[in-house]
Amino acid sequence: DLKADRSHPHNKLRPFASGALSKKNGLIIFLILCLLGFTLSFFISINFLFLIFSYWILSLLYSFVLKKKIIVDIFILGILYTLRIIGGSFATEIQMSLWLFTFSIFFFISLAAVKRLAELLDLKERNIFNIEGRGYNLKDLPIVRIITIFFGLISIVVVGFYVYSPDIIDLYSKPWTLLGMFLTLTFWLIRIIFLSINGNINGDPIIYALKDNTSRFCFLVILSLFMINFT
């Protein structure tokens, strides 16, 4: 991505693009982290090692091939984000529910589409037609916008069904806290989608959320409600 990053107003500040980190040093760090990652994964569990290896292969395929395939790249990003949660499940030996898995897929596909939408709107603002190193151009704005809204709303619907499912009676001593978390998450996601459609998000929506005071407040509300439920 060096060529594309160096021509981008924001990505040009990344370590490799700016020259702060050389490609040689990056390769050395890459090999060291791979060795450490696979070694630690082996000692955690075989399932975790297999998942990390699968994630690594899929990430490489994405970086060299799949990121250039329109729509496919969005789904791959959604899968990669979901694999991280599955990895956490393997590492902690806490079984991941079907509800969480289903929500994660739809939720992360929506956020991946938000990222592409932000890139396309940035192109439009700079009067550029194509995304460098990607298969998208300005003509794809409507379909990416639809994907963002559709999968975001589906993820909210999944959480809504979970809130009213019999499962929560056994898991939550104060079910009203789950409703509060659901409403907060719904507000946050709709706001992120709204901001992305209006071109107010530059780059990764997760990075944006970490710097956004409203997003931080929503996170604190959800965390507080979660803790109240188990007190």
Protein backbone atom coordinates (compact mmCIF):
# COMPACT_ATOMS: atom_id res chain seq x y z
CA ASP A 1 0.00 0.00 0.00
CA LEU A 2 3.02 2.32 0.00
CA LYS A 3 2.19 4.00 -3.30
CA ALA A 4 -1.46 4.53 -2.36
CA ASP A 5 -0.62 5.68 1.19
CA ARG A 6 1.95 8.23 0.04
CA SER A 7 -0.62 9.89 -2.23
CA HIS A 8 -3.29 9.95 0.51
CA PRO A 9 -3.65 13.08 2.71
CA HIS A 10 -3.98 11.05 5.94
CA ASN A 11 -2.32 7.69 5.23
CA LYS A 12 0.91 9.37 4.13
CA LEU A 13 1.67 9.81 7.85
CA ARG A 14 1.79 6.04 8.44
CA PRO A 15 5.24 4.71 9.49
CA PHE A 16 6.19 3.04 6.19
CA ALA A 17 4.64 5.69 3.96
CA SER A 18 6.32 8.53 5.83
CA GLY A 19 9.69 6.76 5.94
CA ALA A 20 9.75 6.62 9.74
CA LEU A 21 10.09 2.83 9.47
CA SER A 22 12.03 1.12 6.68
CA LYS A 23 10.71 -1.90 4.78
CA LYS A 24 13.73 -3.92 5.95
CA ASN A 25 13.00 -3.23 9.63
CA GLY A 26 9.31 -3.90 9.00
CA LEU A 27 10.14 -7.33 7.58
CA ILE A 28 12.33 -8.17 10.59
CA ILE A 29 9.56 -7.12 13.01
CA PHE A 30 7.05 -9.13 10.95
CA LEU A 31 9.12 -12.33 11.24
CA ILE A 32 9.75 -11.87 14.98
CA LEU A 33 6.04 -11.26 15.70
CA CYS A 34 5.02 -14.27 13.58
CA LEU A 35 7.40 -16.51 15.52
CA LEU A 36 6.20 -15.18 18.88
CA GLY A 37 2.55 -15.32 17.85
CA PHE A 38 2.58 -18.91 16.62
CA THR A 39 4.69 -20.08 19.59
CA LEU A 40 2.37 -18.50 22.17
CA SER A 41 -0.69 -19.79 20.29
CA PHE A 42 0.66 -23.34 20.44
CA PHE A 43 0.94 -23.16 24.24
CA ILE A 44 -2.59 -21.76 24.60
CA SER A 45 -4.36 -24.49 22.62
CA ILE A 46 -4.30 -26.32 19.30
CA ASN A 47 -7.63 -24.78 18.33
CA PHE A 48 -6.28 -21.30 19.02
CA LEU A 49 -3.13 -22.03 16.99
CA PHE A 50 -5.24 -23.25 14.06
CA LEU A 51 -7.40 -20.13 14.22
CA ILE A 52 -4.35 -17.82 14.35
CA PHE A 53 -2.82 -19.64 11.37
CA SER A 54 -6.11 -19.36 9.43
CA TYR A 55 -6.35 -15.67 10.31
CA TRP A 56 -2.75 -15.15 9.14
CA ILE A 57 -3.36 -16.88 5.80
CA LEU A 58 -6.61 -15.00 5.20
CA SER A 59 -4.92 -11.70 6.09
CA LEU A 60 -2.14 -12.37 3.57
CA LEU A 61 -4.69 -13.29 0.90
CA TYR A 62 -6.57 -10.10 1.65
CA SER A 63 -3.43 -7.95 1.53
CA PHE A 64 -2.19 -9.30 -1.80
CA VAL A 65 -5.36 -10.33 -3.68
CA LEU A 66 -8.77 -10.00 -2.03
CA LYS A 67 -8.58 -6.32 -1.11
CA LYS A 68 -8.78 -5.56 -4.84
CA LYS A 69 -12.09 -7.46 -5.21
CA ILE A 70 -15.09 -5.18 -4.72
CA ILE A 71 -17.63 -6.28 -2.09
CA VAL A 72 -15.54 -9.42 -1.40
CA ASP A 73 -13.03 -7.28 0.51
CA ILE A 74 -15.78 -5.93 2.77
CA PHE A 75 -16.98 -9.43 3.67
CA ILE A 76 -13.40 -10.61 4.29
CA LEU A 77 -12.82 -7.72 6.71
CA GLY A 78 -16.04 -8.64 8.52
CA ILE A 79 -14.85 -12.25 8.79
CA LEU A 80 -11.40 -11.21 10.06
CA TYR A 81 -12.92 -9.05 12.80
CA THR A 82 -15.23 -11.90 13.82
CA LEU A 83 -12.32 -14.36 13.92
CA ARG A 84 -10.73 -12.15 16.57
CA ILE A 85 -13.75 -12.69 18.83
CA ILE A 86 -13.70 -16.43 18.14
CA GLY A 87 -9.99 -16.41 19.00
CA GLY A 88 -10.80 -14.75 22.31
CA SER A 89 -13.35 -17.50 22.94
CA PHE A 90 -10.72 -20.19 22.32
CA ALA A 91 -8.08 -18.42 24.42
CA THR A 92 -10.38 -17.93 27.43
CA GLU A 93 -12.27 -21.22 26.96
CA ILE A 94 -15.54 -19.27 27.09
CA GLN A 95 -17.99 -20.64 24.54
CA MET A 96 -19.12 -18.09 21.99
CA SER A 97 -22.90 -17.98 21.56
CA LEU A 98 -24.60 -18.16 18.19
CA TRP A 99 -26.17 -14.80 19.00
CA LEU A 100 -22.77 -13.12 19.37
CA PHE A 101 -21.40 -14.82 16.26
CA THR A 102 -24.36 -13.72 14.12
CA PHE A 103 -24.28 -10.18 15.46
CA SER A 104 -20.51 -9.91 14.94
CA ILE A 105 -20.64 -10.92 11.27
CA PHE A 106 -23.31 -8.35 10.36
CA PHE A 107 -21.91 -5.64 12.64
CA PHE A 108 -18.34 -5.86 11.32
CA ILE A 109 -19.43 -6.08 7.68
CA SER A 110 -21.28 -2.81 8.25
CA LEU A 111 -18.19 -1.20 9.84
CA ALA A 112 -15.99 -2.47 6.98
CA ALA A 113 -18.43 -0.86 4.54
CA VAL A 114 -18.24 2.37 6.57
CA LYS A 115 -14.47 2.34 6.01
CA ARG A 116 -14.88 1.93 2.23
CA LEU A 117 -17.61 4.56 2.19
CA ALA A 118 -15.31 7.02 3.94
CA GLU A 119 -12.59 6.35 1.37
CA LEU A 120 -14.96 6.90 -1.55
CA LEU A 121 -16.33 10.13 -0.12
CA ASP A 122 -12.77 11.31 0.44
CA LEU A 123 -12.07 10.61 -3.25
CA LYS A 124 -15.14 12.57 -4.25
CA GLU A 125 -13.97 15.53 -2.19
CA ARG A 126 -10.52 15.41 -3.83
CA ASN A 127 -12.00 14.96 -7.35
CA ILE A 128 -10.38 11.52 -7.80
CA PHE A 129 -12.34 8.73 -9.50
CA ASN A 130 -10.66 5.50 -8.29
CA ILE A 131 -9.29 4.21 -4.97
CA GLU A 132 -5.61 3.43 -5.46
CA GLY A 133 -4.96 -0.30 -4.94
CA ARG A 134 -8.67 -1.14 -4.64
CA GLY A 135 -11.37 -2.09 -7.12
CA TYR A 136 -13.72 0.75 -6.20
CA ASN A 137 -14.58 4.00 -7.94
CA LEU A 138 -17.12 6.76 -7.35
CA LYS A 139 -19.83 4.85 -9.24
CA ASP A 140 -19.84 2.30 -6.39
CA LEU A 141 -20.88 4.83 -3.74
CA PRO A 142 -24.61 3.89 -3.78
CA ILE A 143 -24.05 0.13 -3.34
CA VAL A 144 -21.48 0.63 -0.57
CA ARG A 145 -23.91 2.99 1.16
CA ILE A 146 -26.66 0.34 0.94
CA ILE A 147 -24.34 -2.35 2.37
CA THR A 148 -23.42 -0.05 5.26
CA ILE A 149 -27.05 0.63 6.19
CA PHE A 150 -28.43 -2.86 5.51
CA PHE A 151 -25.91 -4.89 7.51
CA GLY A 152 -25.85 -2.31 10.29
CA LEU A 153 -29.62 -2.54 10.71
CA ILE A 154 -29.54 -6.36 10.52
CA SER A 155 -26.99 -6.45 13.37
CA ILE A 156 -29.31 -4.26 15.45
CA VAL A 157 -32.26 -6.56 14.68
CA VAL A 158 -30.21 -9.57 15.86
CA VAL A 159 -29.52 -7.85 19.20
CA GLY A 160 -33.20 -6.90 19.43
CA PHE A 161 -34.28 -10.53 19.06
CA TYR A 162 -31.70 -11.54 21.68
CA VAL A 163 -33.03 -8.98 24.16
CA TYR A 164 -36.46 -10.58 23.96
CA SER A 165 -35.24 -14.20 23.87
CA PRO A 166 -35.70 -16.65 26.78
CA ASP A 167 -31.89 -16.95 27.10
CA ILE A 168 -31.49 -13.65 28.91
CA ILE A 169 -33.54 -14.75 31.93
CA ASP A 170 -30.81 -17.21 32.96
CA LEU A 171 -27.89 -14.96 32.04
CA TYR A 172 -28.99 -11.54 33.30
CA SER A 173 -30.28 -10.83 36.78
CA LYS A 174 -31.40 -7.36 35.65
CA PRO A 175 -32.71 -7.73 32.06
CA TRP A 176 -33.44 -3.99 31.83
CA THR A 177 -29.67 -3.38 31.67
CA LEU A 178 -29.52 -5.36 28.44
CA LEU A 179 -32.26 -3.18 26.98
CA GLY A 180 -30.21 -0.12 27.94
CA MET A 181 -27.13 -1.59 26.24
CA PHE A 182 -29.19 -2.37 23.15
CA LEU A 183 -30.53 1.19 22.89
CA THR A 184 -27.06 2.67 23.42
CA LEU A 185 -25.52 0.42 20.77
CA THR A 186 -28.35 1.23 18.35
CA PHE A 187 -27.80 4.96 18.86
CA TRP A 188 -24.03 4.60 18.38
CA LEU A 189 -24.24 2.53 15.20
CA ILE A 190 -26.90 4.70 13.57
CA ARG A 191 -24.81 7.76 14.41
CA ILE A 192 -21.65 6.22 12.90
CA ILE A 193 -23.54 5.28 9.73
CA PHE A 194 -25.06 8.76 9.53
CA LEU A 195 -21.66 10.40 9.97
CA SER A 196 -20.06 8.15 7.36
CA ILE A 197 -22.78 8.85 4.78
CA ASN A 198 -22.23 12.57 5.30
CA GLY A 199 -18.46 12.24 4.92
CA ASN A 200 -17.57 13.05 8.53
CA ILE A 201 -15.45 9.93 9.13
CA ASN A 202 -11.95 9.68 7.73
CA GLY A 203 -10.56 6.15 7.52
CA ASP A 204 -11.21 3.38 10.04
CA PRO A 205 -14.45 3.86 12.07
CA ILE A 206 -12.89 2.07 15.06
CA ILE A 207 -10.04 4.58 15.20
CA TYR A 208 -12.60 7.37 14.82
CA ALA A 209 -14.65 5.95 17.71
CA LEU A 210 -11.59 5.82 19.98
CA LYS A 211 -11.10 9.56 19.50
CA ASP A 212 -14.78 10.50 19.52
CA ASN A 213 -16.20 11.71 22.87
CA THR A 214 -19.74 10.54 22.07
CA SER A 215 -18.45 7.05 21.25
CA ARG A 216 -16.45 6.98 24.47
CA PHE A 217 -19.55 7.97 26.44
CA CYS A 218 -21.59 5.21 24.78
CA PHE A 219 -18.89 2.68 25.67
CA LEU A 220 -18.90 3.81 29.31
CA VAL A 221 -22.71 3.55 29.44
CA ILE A 222 -22.64 -0.01 28.05
CA LEU A 223 -19.81 -1.01 30.42
CA SER A 224 -21.64 0.51 33.42
CA LEU A 225 -24.88 -1.29 32.59
CA PHE A 226 -22.98 -4.56 32.15
CA MET A 227 -21.37 -4.17 35.58
CA ILE A 228 -24.69 -3.20 37.21
CA ASN A 229 -26.24 -6.41 35.95
CA PHE A 230 -23.69 -8.54 37.81
CA THR A 231 -23.63 -6.61 41.07
